[in-house]
């Protein structure tokens, strides 16, 4: 018999501006966005909140509109299974 372990983490972000997925859009998320300010982004760039291909003030404004606790936030779930 071979024993293996599988760990999967499911993230449930209810807000696109909650970059760190901690349930609050806050200064940590703002810092994440500003560290990419002025840079081009591909389609899976979390800092490009409005998906226009660049991180700019429009993304900061989107973050500010979502500032605070995330409604209906579900904490990440870790599923550890052994076979």
Protein backbone atom coordinates (compact mmCIF):
# COMPACT_ATOMS: atom_id res chain seq x y z
CA UNK A 1 0.00 0.00 0.00
CA UNK A 2 1.31 3.44 -0.93
CA UNK A 3 0.36 6.37 1.26
CA UNK A 4 -0.01 9.77 -0.34
CA UNK A 5 -1.21 13.07 0.95
CA UNK A 6 -3.19 15.61 -1.03
CA UNK A 7 -3.61 19.16 0.18
CA UNK A 8 -5.88 21.49 -1.75
CA UNK A 9 -6.71 25.05 -0.91
CA UNK A 10 -9.88 26.63 -2.21
CA UNK A 11 -10.01 30.41 -2.24
CA UNK A 12 -13.37 32.08 -2.28
CA UNK A 13 -12.79 35.75 -3.04
CA UNK A 14 -16.04 37.68 -2.95
CA UNK A 15 -14.23 40.89 -3.88
CA UNK A 16 -11.77 41.33 -6.71
CA UNK A 17 -10.02 44.07 -4.69
CA UNK A 18 -9.29 41.71 -1.79
CA UNK A 19 -5.91 40.79 -3.29
CA UNK A 20 -4.66 38.88 -0.24
CA UNK A 21 -8.04 37.16 0.29
CA UNK A 22 -8.25 37.91 4.00
CA UNK A 23 -11.84 39.17 4.01
CA UNK A 24 -10.98 42.88 4.07
CA UNK A 25 -10.07 45.32 1.32
CA UNK A 26 -7.48 47.37 3.16
CA UNK A 27 -4.03 48.95 3.09
CA UNK A 28 -2.33 45.62 2.31
CA UNK A 29 -4.38 45.33 -0.88
CA UNK A 30 -3.62 48.96 -1.74
CA UNK A 31 0.11 48.28 -1.31
CA UNK A 32 -0.18 45.28 -3.61
CA UNK A 33 -1.74 47.41 -6.33
CA UNK A 34 0.60 50.38 -5.96
CA UNK A 35 3.64 48.11 -6.27
CA UNK A 36 2.51 47.42 -9.87
CA UNK A 37 1.38 50.99 -10.67
CA UNK A 38 2.08 51.95 -14.28
CA UNK A 39 2.89 48.40 -15.39
CA UNK A 40 1.20 46.45 -18.13
CA UNK A 41 -0.64 43.33 -16.99
CA UNK A 42 -1.80 40.17 -18.68
CA UNK A 43 -5.31 38.81 -18.18
CA UNK A 44 -4.56 37.04 -14.87
CA UNK A 45 -2.99 40.02 -13.08
CA UNK A 46 -4.76 40.47 -9.72
CA UNK A 47 -3.68 44.13 -9.44
CA UNK A 48 -5.49 45.11 -12.67
CA UNK A 49 -8.94 45.30 -11.08
CA UNK A 50 -10.72 46.73 -14.12
CA UNK A 51 -8.95 44.39 -16.60
CA UNK A 52 -7.82 47.16 -18.96
CA UNK A 53 -4.31 45.72 -19.28
CA UNK A 54 -2.50 48.25 -17.10
CA UNK A 55 -2.36 48.96 -13.37
CA UNK A 56 -3.28 52.61 -12.92
CA UNK A 57 -5.36 55.05 -10.88
CA UNK A 58 -8.56 53.47 -12.21
CA UNK A 59 -7.61 50.30 -10.34
CA UNK A 60 -6.92 52.28 -7.17
CA UNK A 61 -10.35 53.93 -7.49
CA UNK A 62 -11.97 50.50 -7.89
CA UNK A 63 -10.18 49.30 -4.76
CA UNK A 64 -11.36 52.37 -2.83
CA UNK A 65 -14.97 51.66 -3.85
CA UNK A 66 -14.66 48.17 -2.34
CA UNK A 67 -12.78 49.32 0.81
CA UNK A 68 -13.70 47.54 4.05
CA UNK A 69 -15.01 44.12 5.00
CA UNK A 70 -15.92 41.85 2.09
CA UNK A 71 -19.61 40.93 2.10
CA UNK A 72 -20.28 37.18 2.14
CA UNK A 73 -16.58 36.40 2.63
CA UNK A 74 -15.80 32.71 2.96
CA UNK A 75 -12.41 31.90 4.48
CA UNK A 76 -10.05 29.70 2.47
CA UNK A 77 -10.67 26.00 3.04
CA UNK A 78 -7.82 23.52 3.21
CA UNK A 79 -8.71 19.92 2.45
CA UNK A 80 -6.11 17.35 3.48
CA UNK A 81 -6.78 13.81 2.38
CA UNK A 82 -4.67 10.72 2.78
CA UNK A 83 -4.97 7.73 0.53
